[in-house]
Amino acid sequence: MSQSLEAPTAPLSDAFVDRRNTQTDSSFPNAERRQFANSHSELSPDAQELARAIDEYKLRHRRRFITYEEMLGVISELGYSK
């Protein structure tokens, strides 16, 4: 009895759309989806500092969304404490 180690392949359906490498909005070719608002202009100066720090953290760690623990770490790095 011989078993094949190869994964079975399914025929590609015409309904399947591979969107991994396509641009959905050509007006913003390098736009990045954000967890929070894209603009920080309406925030207070302290909130702008936090927003920039969170954005930098997400870019540095290649994260689109962060957890509360990660946010707490960013806040602590800014010098805030309870």
PDB file of N, CA and C in Angstrom:
ATOM      1  N   MET A   1       0.841  -1.172   0.000  1.00  0.00           N
ATOM      2  CA  MET A   1       0.000   0.000   0.000  1.00  0.00           C
ATOM      3  C   MET A   1       0.891   1.241   0.000  1.00  0.00           C
ATOM      4  N   SER A   2       0.787   2.022  -1.018  1.00  0.00           N
ATOM      5  CA  SER A   2       1.629   3.203  -1.163  1.00  0.00           C
ATOM      6  C   SER A   2       0.794   4.464  -1.009  1.00  0.00           C
ATOM      7  N   GLN A   3       1.257   5.366  -0.144  1.00  0.00           N
ATOM      8  CA  GLN A   3       0.545   6.629   0.053  1.00  0.00           C
ATOM      9  C   GLN A   3       1.359   7.754  -0.553  1.00  0.00           C
ATOM     10  N   SER A   4       0.675   8.655  -1.239  1.00  0.00           N
ATOM     11  CA  SER A   4       1.344   9.797  -1.836  1.00  0.00           C
ATOM     12  C   SER A   4       1.484  10.903  -0.798  1.00  0.00           C
ATOM     13  N   LEU A   5       2.649  11.522  -0.729  1.00  0.00           N
ATOM     14  CA  LEU A   5       2.889  12.601   0.214  1.00  0.00           C
ATOM     15  C   LEU A   5       2.537  13.960  -0.372  1.00  0.00           C
ATOM     16  N   GLU A   6       2.179  13.989  -1.652  1.00  0.00           N
ATOM     17  CA  GLU A   6       1.831  15.253  -2.282  1.00  0.00           C
ATOM     18  C   GLU A   6       0.410  15.645  -1.919  1.00  0.00           C
ATOM     19  N   ALA A   7       0.214  16.938  -1.729  1.00  0.00           N
ATOM     20  CA  ALA A   7      -1.119  17.447  -1.424  1.00  0.00           C
ATOM     21  C   ALA A   7      -1.967  17.378  -2.682  1.00  0.00           C
ATOM     22  N   PRO A   8      -3.227  17.000  -2.539  1.00  0.00           N
ATOM     23  CA  PRO A   8      -4.094  16.965  -3.713  1.00  0.00           C
ATOM     24  C   PRO A   8      -4.310  18.375  -4.252  1.00  0.00           C
ATOM     25  N   THR A   9      -4.365  18.469  -5.558  1.00  0.00           N
ATOM     26  CA  THR A   9      -4.584  19.774  -6.167  1.00  0.00           C
ATOM     27  C   THR A   9      -6.004  19.850  -6.691  1.00  0.00           C
ATOM     28  N   ALA A  10      -6.625  20.986  -6.432  1.00  0.00           N
ATOM     29  CA  ALA A  10      -7.980  21.211  -6.914  1.00  0.00           C
ATOM     30  C   ALA A  10      -7.903  22.078  -8.160  1.00  0.00           C
ATOM     31  N   PRO A  11      -8.797  21.865  -9.104  1.00  0.00           N
ATOM     32  CA  PRO A  11      -8.785  22.716 -10.296  1.00  0.00           C
ATOM     33  C   PRO A  11      -9.116  24.158  -9.913  1.00  0.00           C
ATOM     34  N   LEU A  12      -8.435  25.102 -10.570  1.00  0.00           N
ATOM     35  CA  LEU A  12      -8.687  26.513 -10.297  1.00  0.00           C
ATOM     36  C   LEU A  12     -10.053  26.890 -10.844  1.00  0.00           C
ATOM     37  N   SER A  13     -10.786  27.571 -10.031  1.00  0.00           N
ATOM     38  CA  SER A  13     -12.115  28.011 -10.430  1.00  0.00           C
ATOM     39  C   SER A  13     -12.022  29.371 -11.094  1.00  0.00           C
ATOM     40  N   ASP A  14     -12.896  29.629 -12.039  1.00  0.00           N
ATOM     41  CA  ASP A  14     -12.946  30.942 -12.677  1.00  0.00           C
ATOM     42  C   ASP A  14     -13.408  32.006 -11.688  1.00  0.00           C
ATOM     43  N   ALA A  15     -14.055  31.600 -10.604  1.00  0.00           N
ATOM     44  CA  ALA A  15     -14.559  32.554  -9.616  1.00  0.00           C
ATOM     45  C   ALA A  15     -13.468  33.016  -8.657  1.00  0.00           C
ATOM     46  N   PHE A  16     -12.356  32.319  -8.611  1.00  0.00           N
ATOM     47  CA  PHE A  16     -11.268  32.672  -7.698  1.00  0.00           C
ATOM     48  C   PHE A  16     -10.538  33.901  -8.214  1.00  0.00           C
ATOM     49  N   VAL A  17     -10.348  34.886  -7.331  1.00  0.00           N
ATOM     50  CA  VAL A  17      -9.614  36.093  -7.686  1.00  0.00           C
ATOM     51  C   VAL A  17      -8.449  36.232  -6.715  1.00  0.00           C
ATOM     52  N   ASP A  18      -7.235  36.220  -7.232  1.00  0.00           N
ATOM     53  CA  ASP A  18      -6.045  36.379  -6.410  1.00  0.00           C
ATOM     54  C   ASP A  18      -5.776  37.869  -6.259  1.00  0.00           C
ATOM     55  N   ARG A  19      -6.001  38.414  -5.049  1.00  0.00           N
ATOM     56  CA  ARG A  19      -5.878  39.851  -4.813  1.00  0.00           C
ATOM     57  C   ARG A  19      -4.610  40.220  -4.067  1.00  0.00           C
ATOM     58  N   ARG A  20      -3.677  39.299  -3.927  1.00  0.00           N
ATOM     59  CA  ARG A  20      -2.487  39.579  -3.132  1.00  0.00           C
ATOM     60  C   ARG A  20      -1.591  40.654  -3.728  1.00  0.00           C
ATOM     61  N   ASN A  21      -1.488  40.724  -5.021  1.00  0.00           N
ATOM     62  CA  ASN A  21      -0.563  41.663  -5.646  1.00  0.00           C
ATOM     63  C   ASN A  21      -1.263  42.753  -6.452  1.00  0.00           C
ATOM     64  N   THR A  22      -2.533  42.947  -6.251  1.00  0.00           N
ATOM     65  CA  THR A  22      -3.247  43.963  -7.016  1.00  0.00           C
ATOM     66  C   THR A  22      -3.447  45.207  -6.187  1.00  0.00           C
ATOM     67  N   GLN A  23      -3.518  46.329  -6.846  1.00  0.00           N
ATOM     68  CA  GLN A  23      -3.769  47.614  -6.192  1.00  0.00           C
ATOM     69  C   GLN A  23      -5.271  47.862  -6.242  1.00  0.00           C
ATOM     70  N   THR A  24      -5.887  48.124  -5.099  1.00  0.00           N
ATOM     71  CA  THR A  24      -7.312  48.393  -5.081  1.00  0.00           C
ATOM     72  C   THR A  24      -7.622  49.862  -5.280  1.00  0.00           C
ATOM     73  N   ASP A  25      -6.683  50.742  -4.963  1.00  0.00           N
ATOM     74  CA  ASP A  25      -6.902  52.171  -5.109  1.00  0.00           C
ATOM     75  C   ASP A  25      -5.639  52.789  -5.704  1.00  0.00           C
ATOM     76  N   SER A  26      -5.680  53.068  -6.984  1.00  0.00           N
ATOM     77  CA  SER A  26      -4.480  53.557  -7.658  1.00  0.00           C
ATOM     78  C   SER A  26      -4.115  54.980  -7.265  1.00  0.00           C
ATOM     79  N   SER A  27      -5.030  55.716  -6.629  1.00  0.00           N
ATOM     80  CA  SER A  27      -4.703  57.082  -6.230  1.00  0.00           C
ATOM     81  C   SER A  27      -3.760  57.109  -5.030  1.00  0.00           C
ATOM     82  N   PHE A  28      -3.662  56.004  -4.295  1.00  0.00           N
ATOM     83  CA  PHE A  28      -2.756  55.899  -3.152  1.00  0.00           C
ATOM     84  C   PHE A  28      -1.927  54.634  -3.309  1.00  0.00           C
ATOM     85  N   PRO A  29      -0.918  54.667  -4.197  1.00  0.00           N
ATOM     86  CA  PRO A  29      -0.189  53.434  -4.482  1.00  0.00           C
ATOM     87  C   PRO A  29       0.572  52.865  -3.294  1.00  0.00           C
ATOM     88  N   ASN A  30       1.030  53.703  -2.363  1.00  0.00           N
ATOM     89  CA  ASN A  30       1.781  53.208  -1.210  1.00  0.00           C
ATOM     90  C   ASN A  30       0.972  53.309   0.073  1.00  0.00           C
ATOM     91  N   ALA A  31      -0.335  53.450  -0.056  1.00  0.00           N
ATOM     92  CA  ALA A  31      -1.188  53.590   1.123  1.00  0.00           C
ATOM     93  C   ALA A  31      -1.145  52.306   1.942  1.00  0.00           C
ATOM     94  N   GLU A  32      -1.190  52.462   3.228  1.00  0.00           N
ATOM     95  CA  GLU A  32      -1.149  51.335   4.140  1.00  0.00           C
ATOM     96  C   GLU A  32      -2.404  51.372   4.996  1.00  0.00           C
ATOM     97  N   ARG A  33      -3.060  50.233   5.150  1.00  0.00           N
ATOM     98  CA  ARG A  33      -4.244  50.202   5.995  1.00  0.00           C
ATOM     99  C   ARG A  33      -3.815  50.391   7.441  1.00  0.00           C
ATOM    100  N   ARG A  34      -4.554  51.196   8.161  1.00  0.00           N
ATOM    101  CA  ARG A  34      -4.208  51.509   9.545  1.00  0.00           C
ATOM    102  C   ARG A  34      -5.287  51.023  10.496  1.00  0.00           C
ATOM    103  N   GLN A  35      -4.873  50.715  11.705  1.00  0.00           N
ATOM    104  CA  GLN A  35      -5.815  50.315  12.738  1.00  0.00           C
ATOM    105  C   GLN A  35      -6.618  51.515  13.191  1.00  0.00           C
ATOM    106  N   PHE A  36      -5.972  52.678  13.222  1.00  0.00           N
ATOM    107  CA  PHE A  36      -6.623  53.902  13.647  1.00  0.00           C
ATOM    108  C   PHE A  36      -6.684  54.845  12.453  1.00  0.00           C
ATOM    109  N   ALA A  37      -7.109  56.068  12.664  1.00  0.00           N
ATOM    110  CA  ALA A  37      -7.247  57.032  11.578  1.00  0.00           C
ATOM    111  C   ALA A  37      -5.909  57.307  10.902  1.00  0.00           C
ATOM    112  N   ASN A  38      -5.961  57.629   9.606  1.00  0.00           N
ATOM    113  CA  ASN A  38      -4.741  57.942   8.861  1.00  0.00           C
ATOM    114  C   ASN A  38      -4.193  59.312   9.208  1.00  0.00           C
ATOM    115  N   SER A  39      -5.045  60.219   9.641  1.00  0.00           N
ATOM    116  CA  SER A  39      -4.610  61.577   9.939  1.00  0.00           C
ATOM    117  C   SER A  39      -4.660  61.804  11.440  1.00  0.00           C
ATOM    118  N   HIS A  40      -3.625  62.447  11.949  1.00  0.00           N
ATOM    119  CA  HIS A  40      -3.560  62.738  13.374  1.00  0.00           C
ATOM    120  C   HIS A  40      -3.759  64.224  13.636  1.00  0.00           C
ATOM    121  N   SER A  41      -4.182  64.967  12.621  1.00  0.00           N
ATOM    122  CA  SER A  41      -4.255  66.429  12.728  1.00  0.00           C
ATOM    123  C   SER A  41      -5.299  66.908  13.733  1.00  0.00           C
ATOM    124  N   GLU A  42      -6.327  66.124  13.974  1.00  0.00           N
ATOM    125  CA  GLU A  42      -7.387  66.556  14.897  1.00  0.00           C
ATOM    126  C   GLU A  42      -7.116  66.137  16.338  1.00  0.00           C
ATOM    127  N   LEU A  43      -5.983  65.507  16.576  1.00  0.00           N
ATOM    128  CA  LEU A  43      -5.660  65.034  17.918  1.00  0.00           C
ATOM    129  C   LEU A  43      -4.889  66.089  18.700  1.00  0.00           C
ATOM    130  N   SER A  44      -4.932  65.960  20.017  1.00  0.00           N
ATOM    131  CA  SER A  44      -4.127  66.828  20.871  1.00  0.00           C
ATOM    132  C   SER A  44      -2.653  66.488  20.648  1.00  0.00           C
ATOM    133  N   PRO A  45      -1.730  67.366  21.023  1.00  0.00           N
ATOM    134  CA  PRO A  45      -0.298  67.068  20.838  1.00  0.00           C
ATOM    135  C   PRO A  45       0.145  65.765  21.505  1.00  0.00           C
ATOM    136  N   ASP A  46      -0.352  65.481  22.710  1.00  0.00           N
ATOM    137  CA  ASP A  46       0.017  64.231  23.382  1.00  0.00           C
ATOM    138  C   ASP A  46      -0.523  63.022  22.621  1.00  0.00           C
ATOM    139  N   ALA A  47      -1.752  63.129  22.125  1.00  0.00           N
ATOM    140  CA  ALA A  47      -2.348  62.028  21.364  1.00  0.00           C
ATOM    141  C   ALA A  47      -1.626  61.847  20.030  1.00  0.00           C
ATOM    142  N   GLN A  48      -1.170  62.932  19.408  1.00  0.00           N
ATOM    143  CA  GLN A  48      -0.399  62.834  18.173  1.00  0.00           C
ATOM    144  C   GLN A  48       0.919  62.101  18.424  1.00  0.00           C
ATOM    145  N   GLU A  49       1.564  62.414  19.550  1.00  0.00           N
ATOM    146  CA  GLU A  49       2.814  61.732  19.903  1.00  0.00           C
ATOM    147  C   GLU A  49       2.579  60.238  20.071  1.00  0.00           C
ATOM    148  N   LEU A  50       1.496  59.869  20.752  1.00  0.00           N
ATOM    149  CA  LEU A  50       1.167  58.458  20.944  1.00  0.00           C
ATOM    150  C   LEU A  50       0.859  57.798  19.607  1.00  0.00           C
ATOM    151  N   ALA A  51       0.081  58.460  18.762  1.00  0.00           N
ATOM    152  CA  ALA A  51      -0.276  57.896  17.460  1.00  0.00           C
ATOM    153  C   ALA A  51       0.963  57.657  16.609  1.00  0.00           C
ATOM    154  N   ARG A  52       1.883  58.614  16.591  1.00  0.00           N
ATOM    155  CA  ARG A  52       3.124  58.441  15.827  1.00  0.00           C
ATOM    156  C   ARG A  52       3.954  57.290  16.399  1.00  0.00           C
ATOM    157  N   ALA A  53       4.007  57.182  17.724  1.00  0.00           N
ATOM    158  CA  ALA A  53       4.778  56.107  18.357  1.00  0.00           C
ATOM    159  C   ALA A  53       4.172  54.742  18.021  1.00  0.00           C
ATOM    160  N   ILE A  54       2.851  54.650  18.017  1.00  0.00           N
ATOM    161  CA  ILE A  54       2.188  53.391  17.671  1.00  0.00           C
ATOM    162  C   ILE A  54       2.431  53.055  16.209  1.00  0.00           C
ATOM    163  N   ASP A  55       2.321  54.047  15.324  1.00  0.00           N
ATOM    164  CA  ASP A  55       2.586  53.813  13.905  1.00  0.00           C
ATOM    165  C   ASP A  55       4.023  53.344  13.687  1.00  0.00           C
ATOM    166  N   GLU A  56       4.972  53.954  14.362  1.00  0.00           N
ATOM    167  CA  GLU A  56       6.374  53.544  14.239  1.00  0.00           C
ATOM    168  C   GLU A  56       6.567  52.120  14.747  1.00  0.00           C
ATOM    169  N   TYR A  57       5.909  51.789  15.866  1.00  0.00           N
ATOM    170  CA  TYR A  57       5.999  50.432  16.412  1.00  0.00           C
ATOM    171  C   TYR A  57       5.481  49.424  15.393  1.00  0.00           C
ATOM    172  N   LYS A  58       4.322  49.735  14.792  1.00  0.00           N
ATOM    173  CA  LYS A  58       3.732  48.807  13.832  1.00  0.00           C
ATOM    174  C   LYS A  58       4.616  48.636  12.604  1.00  0.00           C
ATOM    175  N   LEU A  59       5.221  49.702  12.138  1.00  0.00           N
ATOM    176  CA  LEU A  59       6.116  49.588  10.989  1.00  0.00           C
ATOM    177  C   LEU A  59       7.379  48.815  11.341  1.00  0.00           C
ATOM    178  N   ARG A  60       7.935  49.093  12.515  1.00  0.00           N
ATOM    179  CA  ARG A  60       9.171  48.436  12.958  1.00  0.00           C
ATOM    180  C   ARG A  60       8.967  46.930  13.138  1.00  0.00           C
ATOM    181  N   HIS A  61       7.794  46.555  13.643  1.00  0.00           N
ATOM    182  CA  HIS A  61       7.524  45.141  13.931  1.00  0.00           C
ATOM    183  C   HIS A  61       6.651  44.477  12.873  1.00  0.00           C
ATOM    184  N   ARG A  62       6.405  45.204  11.777  1.00  0.00           N
ATOM    185  CA  ARG A  62       5.621  44.679  10.653  1.00  0.00           C
ATOM    186  C   ARG A  62       4.270  44.151  11.108  1.00  0.00           C
ATOM    187  N   ARG A  63       3.567  44.985  11.877  1.00  0.00           N
ATOM    188  CA  ARG A  63       2.255  44.613  12.405  1.00  0.00           C
ATOM    189  C   ARG A  63       1.210  45.578  11.881  1.00  0.00           C
ATOM    190  N   ARG A  64       0.096  45.079  11.418  1.00  0.00           N
ATOM    191  CA  ARG A  64      -1.000  45.941  10.990  1.00  0.00           C
ATOM    192  C   ARG A  64      -1.843  46.354  12.192  1.00  0.00           C
ATOM    193  N   PHE A  65      -2.038  45.431  13.112  1.00  0.00           N
ATOM    194  CA  PHE A  65      -2.812  45.696  14.322  1.00  0.00           C
ATOM    195  C   PHE A  65      -1.963  45.315  15.519  1.00  0.00           C
ATOM    196  N   ILE A  66      -2.162  46.006  16.646  1.00  0.00           N
ATOM    197  CA  ILE A  66      -1.402  45.675  17.845  1.00  0.00           C
ATOM    198  C   ILE A  66      -2.356  45.294  18.956  1.00  0.00           C
ATOM    199  N   THR A  67      -1.812  44.568  19.921  1.00  0.00           N
ATOM    200  CA  THR A  67      -2.606  44.149  21.072  1.00  0.00           C
ATOM    201  C   THR A  67      -2.547  45.228  22.150  1.00  0.00           C
ATOM    202  N   TYR A  68      -3.369  45.085  23.150  1.00  0.00           N
ATOM    203  CA  TYR A  68      -3.332  46.026  24.281  1.00  0.00           C
ATOM    204  C   TYR A  68      -1.981  45.970  24.988  1.00  0.00           C
ATOM    205  N   GLU A  69      -1.398  44.776  25.089  1.00  0.00           N
ATOM    206  CA  GLU A  69      -0.085  44.641  25.718  1.00  0.00           C
ATOM    207  C   GLU A  69       0.974  45.419  24.945  1.00  0.00           C
ATOM    208  N   GLU A  70       0.924  45.335  23.618  1.00  0.00           N
ATOM    209  CA  GLU A  70       1.876  46.074  22.796  1.00  0.00           C
ATOM    210  C   GLU A  70       1.655  47.576  22.936  1.00  0.00           C
ATOM    211  N   MET A  71       0.387  47.994  22.987  1.00  0.00           N
ATOM    212  CA  MET A  71       0.084  49.414  23.161  1.00  0.00           C
ATOM    213  C   MET A  71       0.600  49.904  24.512  1.00  0.00           C
ATOM    214  N   LEU A  72       0.433  49.089  25.538  1.00  0.00           N
ATOM    215  CA  LEU A  72       0.942  49.451  26.855  1.00  0.00           C
ATOM    216  C   LEU A  72       2.462  49.600  26.818  1.00  0.00           C
ATOM    217  N   GLY A  73       3.130  48.736  26.071  1.00  0.00           N
ATOM    218  CA  GLY A  73       4.574  48.847  25.922  1.00  0.00           C
ATOM    219  C   GLY A  73       4.983  50.147  25.243  1.00  0.00           C
ATOM    220  N   VAL A  74       4.248  50.543  24.206  1.00  0.00           N
ATOM    221  CA  VAL A  74       4.535  51.807  23.515  1.00  0.00           C
ATOM    222  C   VAL A  74       4.328  52.982  24.465  1.00  0.00           C
ATOM    223  N   ILE A  75       3.246  52.944  25.221  1.00  0.00           N
ATOM    224  CA  ILE A  75       2.948  54.019  26.175  1.00  0.00           C
ATOM    225  C   ILE A  75       4.041  54.099  27.237  1.00  0.00           C
ATOM    226  N   SER A  76       4.480  52.939  27.711  1.00  0.00           N
ATOM    227  CA  SER A  76       5.554  52.909  28.713  1.00  0.00           C
ATOM    228  C   SER A  76       6.856  53.455  28.143  1.00  0.00           C
ATOM    229  N   GLU A  77       7.145  53.125  26.871  1.00  0.00           N
ATOM    230  CA  GLU A  77       8.358  53.639  26.232  1.00  0.00           C
ATOM    231  C   GLU A  77       8.331  55.168  26.120  1.00  0.00           C
ATOM    232  N   LEU A  78       7.140  55.745  26.046  1.00  0.00           N
ATOM    233  CA  LEU A  78       7.023  57.204  25.985  1.00  0.00           C
ATOM    234  C   LEU A  78       7.228  57.835  27.359  1.00  0.00           C
ATOM    235  N   GLY A  79       7.288  57.008  28.414  1.00  0.00           N
ATOM    236  CA  GLY A  79       7.558  57.533  29.756  1.00  0.00           C
ATOM    237  C   GLY A  79       6.345  57.605  30.656  1.00  0.00           C
ATOM    238  N   TYR A  80       5.199  57.173  30.168  1.00  0.00           N
ATOM    239  CA  TYR A  80       4.005  57.196  31.001  1.00  0.00           C
ATOM    240  C   TYR A  80       3.995  56.001  31.938  1.00  0.00           C
ATOM    241  N   SER A  81       3.470  56.201  33.138  1.00  0.00           N
ATOM    242  CA  SER A  81       3.331  55.098  34.082  1.00  0.00           C
ATOM    243  C   SER A  81       2.078  55.322  34.917  1.00  0.00           C
ATOM    244  N   LYS A  82       1.636  54.287  35.522  1.00  0.00           N
ATOM    245  CA  LYS A  82       0.435  54.341  36.340  1.00  0.00           C
ATOM    246  C   LYS A  82       0.750  54.874  37.702  1.00  0.00           C
TER     247      LYS A  82
END
